[in-house]
Amino acid sequence: MAETDSLPSKRLAVGGYEREIHYTPSLVVYGDYCVAFKLVLLGAPRRHDPEDGVIMAQHLLAAADMYGIDRLKLMCEDRLCDGTDMETAATALGLAEQHGCSKLKARCLELIAANLDAVIETEGYKHLMESSPLVMNDLIRAVRRRKN
């Protein structure tokens, strides 16, 4: 691979647009080897899905874990903490559990405990219960703390 060649991810529908993440593993900047990630816009707007931001963060968290890029992981975690709502809380909790994002996990548990009836109706919650049933213990504790 040449030092400016990049590898594209699969196409992602994020924020109503088709995008790819391009990964350049051997970029040389001022004599140092660097890793670069670039978000590339591919297509025209589509309908907006509240899960789009979570899906993008999922790919970035996976890349951060794979290549040991802690700063990218912290940025994703902060972004998800700020953008998580009742529609995306369960999906974001699954990501927090999977990638060890304690700040995001605490935010999601708090949000879900405060809006449990609404969150239970989301597809993200159903997927969370199938993929990470052990997180239910943390959720029960959060609901109990909220009631006390």
Protein backbone atom coordinates (compact mmCIF):
# COMPACT_ATOMS: atom_id res chain seq x y z
CA MET A 1 0.00 0.00 0.00
CA ALA A 2 1.27 3.47 -0.81
CA GLU A 3 1.39 5.88 2.09
CA THR A 4 -1.63 7.81 0.83
CA ASP A 5 -3.82 4.80 -0.09
CA SER A 6 -6.91 4.38 2.01
CA LEU A 7 -9.32 1.54 2.70
CA PRO A 8 -13.05 2.37 2.62
CA SER A 9 -15.61 0.98 5.03
CA LYS A 10 -18.91 -0.35 3.80
CA ARG A 11 -21.39 2.38 2.89
CA LEU A 12 -23.17 3.87 5.88
CA ALA A 13 -26.43 5.80 5.97
CA VAL A 14 -25.74 8.54 8.51
CA GLY A 15 -27.59 11.77 9.08
CA GLY A 16 -29.62 11.21 5.94
CA TYR A 17 -26.55 10.84 3.71
CA GLU A 18 -24.58 7.92 2.28
CA ARG A 19 -21.03 7.96 3.67
CA GLU A 20 -17.91 5.86 4.04
CA ILE A 21 -15.08 6.00 6.55
CA HIS A 22 -11.72 5.89 4.79
CA TYR A 23 -8.85 4.47 6.83
CA THR A 24 -5.26 5.29 5.88
CA PRO A 25 -2.94 3.04 7.95
CA SER A 26 0.49 4.25 6.81
CA LEU A 27 0.22 8.00 6.39
CA VAL A 28 3.54 9.82 6.87
CA VAL A 29 3.25 13.33 8.28
CA TYR A 30 6.43 15.29 9.02
CA GLY A 31 8.41 12.05 9.10
CA ASP A 32 6.11 10.32 11.60
CA TYR A 33 3.79 7.44 10.78
CA CYS A 34 0.16 8.23 11.47
CA VAL A 35 -3.22 6.61 11.10
CA ALA A 36 -5.97 8.69 9.50
CA PHE A 37 -9.73 8.36 9.40
CA LYS A 38 -11.76 10.45 6.97
CA LEU A 39 -15.54 10.66 6.72
CA VAL A 40 -16.48 10.80 3.01
CA LEU A 41 -19.87 12.02 1.79
CA LEU A 42 -21.12 9.84 -1.08
CA GLY A 43 -24.75 10.56 -1.80
CA ALA A 44 -27.75 12.81 -1.61
CA PRO A 45 -29.96 13.18 1.46
CA ARG A 46 -32.34 10.42 2.48
CA ARG A 47 -34.85 10.27 5.28
CA HIS A 48 -33.40 10.88 8.75
CA ASP A 49 -33.18 8.00 11.20
CA PRO A 50 -32.36 8.79 14.86
CA GLU A 51 -30.15 5.69 14.97
CA ASP A 52 -27.82 7.05 12.24
CA GLY A 53 -25.49 8.79 14.69
CA VAL A 54 -25.32 5.70 16.86
CA ILE A 55 -24.50 3.55 13.82
CA MET A 56 -21.66 5.87 12.83
CA ALA A 57 -20.33 5.89 16.40
CA GLN A 58 -20.47 2.09 16.43
CA HIS A 59 -18.12 1.92 13.44
CA LEU A 60 -15.79 4.54 14.90
CA LEU A 61 -15.70 2.79 18.29
CA ALA A 62 -14.87 -0.51 16.59
CA ALA A 63 -12.04 1.21 14.68
CA ALA A 64 -10.80 2.89 17.88
CA ASP A 65 -10.74 -0.45 19.70
CA MET A 66 -9.11 -2.28 16.79
CA TYR A 67 -6.30 0.23 16.40
CA GLY A 68 -5.97 1.35 20.02
CA ILE A 69 -6.97 4.97 19.37
CA ASP A 70 -8.16 6.08 22.81
CA ARG A 71 -8.70 9.71 21.79
CA LEU A 72 -11.14 8.70 19.04
CA LYS A 73 -12.95 6.47 21.52
CA LEU A 74 -13.31 9.32 24.03
CA MET A 75 -14.60 11.66 21.32
CA CYS A 76 -17.21 9.11 20.24
CA GLU A 77 -18.25 8.50 23.82
CA ASP A 78 -18.67 12.24 24.48
CA ARG A 79 -20.63 12.71 21.26
CA LEU A 80 -22.94 9.82 22.10
CA CYS A 81 -23.47 11.09 25.65
CA ASP A 82 -24.58 14.46 24.27
CA GLY A 83 -26.78 13.02 21.50
CA THR A 84 -28.46 10.08 23.21
CA ASP A 85 -32.20 10.33 23.75
CA MET A 86 -35.07 7.92 24.53
CA GLU A 87 -35.02 6.55 20.96
CA THR A 88 -31.31 5.75 20.97
CA ALA A 89 -30.55 5.08 24.65
CA ALA A 90 -30.82 1.29 24.51
CA THR A 91 -28.68 1.01 21.38
CA ALA A 92 -26.09 3.36 22.86
CA LEU A 93 -26.10 1.31 26.09
CA GLY A 94 -25.28 -1.79 24.07
CA LEU A 95 -22.34 0.04 22.48
CA ALA A 96 -21.18 1.31 25.86
CA GLU A 97 -21.26 -2.24 27.22
CA GLN A 98 -19.48 -3.69 24.18
CA HIS A 99 -16.70 -1.08 24.06
CA GLY A 100 -16.21 -0.39 27.77
CA CYS A 101 -17.47 3.22 27.71
CA SER A 102 -18.32 3.80 31.38
CA LYS A 103 -19.42 7.44 31.03
CA LEU A 104 -21.81 6.57 28.19
CA LYS A 105 -23.12 3.54 30.08
CA ALA A 106 -23.94 5.67 33.13
CA ARG A 107 -25.71 8.27 30.94
CA CYS A 108 -27.77 5.61 29.14
CA LEU A 109 -28.75 3.81 32.34
CA GLU A 110 -29.90 7.11 33.85
CA LEU A 111 -31.90 8.02 30.75
CA ILE A 112 -33.49 4.58 30.45
CA ALA A 113 -34.38 4.43 34.15
CA ALA A 114 -36.10 7.82 33.86
CA ASN A 115 -38.06 6.82 30.72
CA LEU A 116 -38.37 3.07 31.05
CA ASP A 117 -41.86 2.64 29.59
CA ALA A 118 -40.99 4.58 26.41
CA VAL A 119 -37.56 2.96 25.96
CA ILE A 120 -38.95 -0.58 26.32
CA GLU A 121 -40.98 0.04 23.14
CA THR A 122 -37.90 0.79 20.97
CA GLU A 123 -36.21 -1.67 18.63
CA GLY A 124 -32.90 -0.81 20.30
CA TYR A 125 -34.19 -2.09 23.63
CA LYS A 126 -35.34 -5.39 22.11
CA HIS A 127 -31.95 -5.85 20.47
CA LEU A 128 -30.16 -4.95 23.71
CA MET A 129 -32.05 -7.60 25.67
CA GLU A 130 -31.18 -10.22 23.04
CA SER A 131 -27.52 -9.27 22.65
CA SER A 132 -26.57 -8.17 26.20
CA PRO A 133 -28.96 -9.68 28.75
CA LEU A 134 -26.49 -9.15 31.61
CA VAL A 135 -26.91 -5.39 31.27
CA MET A 136 -30.40 -5.93 32.72
CA ASN A 137 -28.79 -6.20 36.19
CA ASP A 138 -27.31 -2.73 35.79
CA LEU A 139 -30.62 -1.40 34.52
CA ILE A 140 -32.54 -2.82 37.49
CA ARG A 141 -30.04 -1.20 39.87
CA ALA A 142 -30.46 2.16 38.08
CA VAL A 143 -34.25 1.96 38.32
CA ARG A 144 -34.02 1.03 42.03
CA ARG A 145 -31.66 3.99 42.73
CA ARG A 146 -34.05 6.32 40.91
CA LYS A 147 -37.01 5.17 43.05
CA ASN A 148 -35.05 5.66 46.30
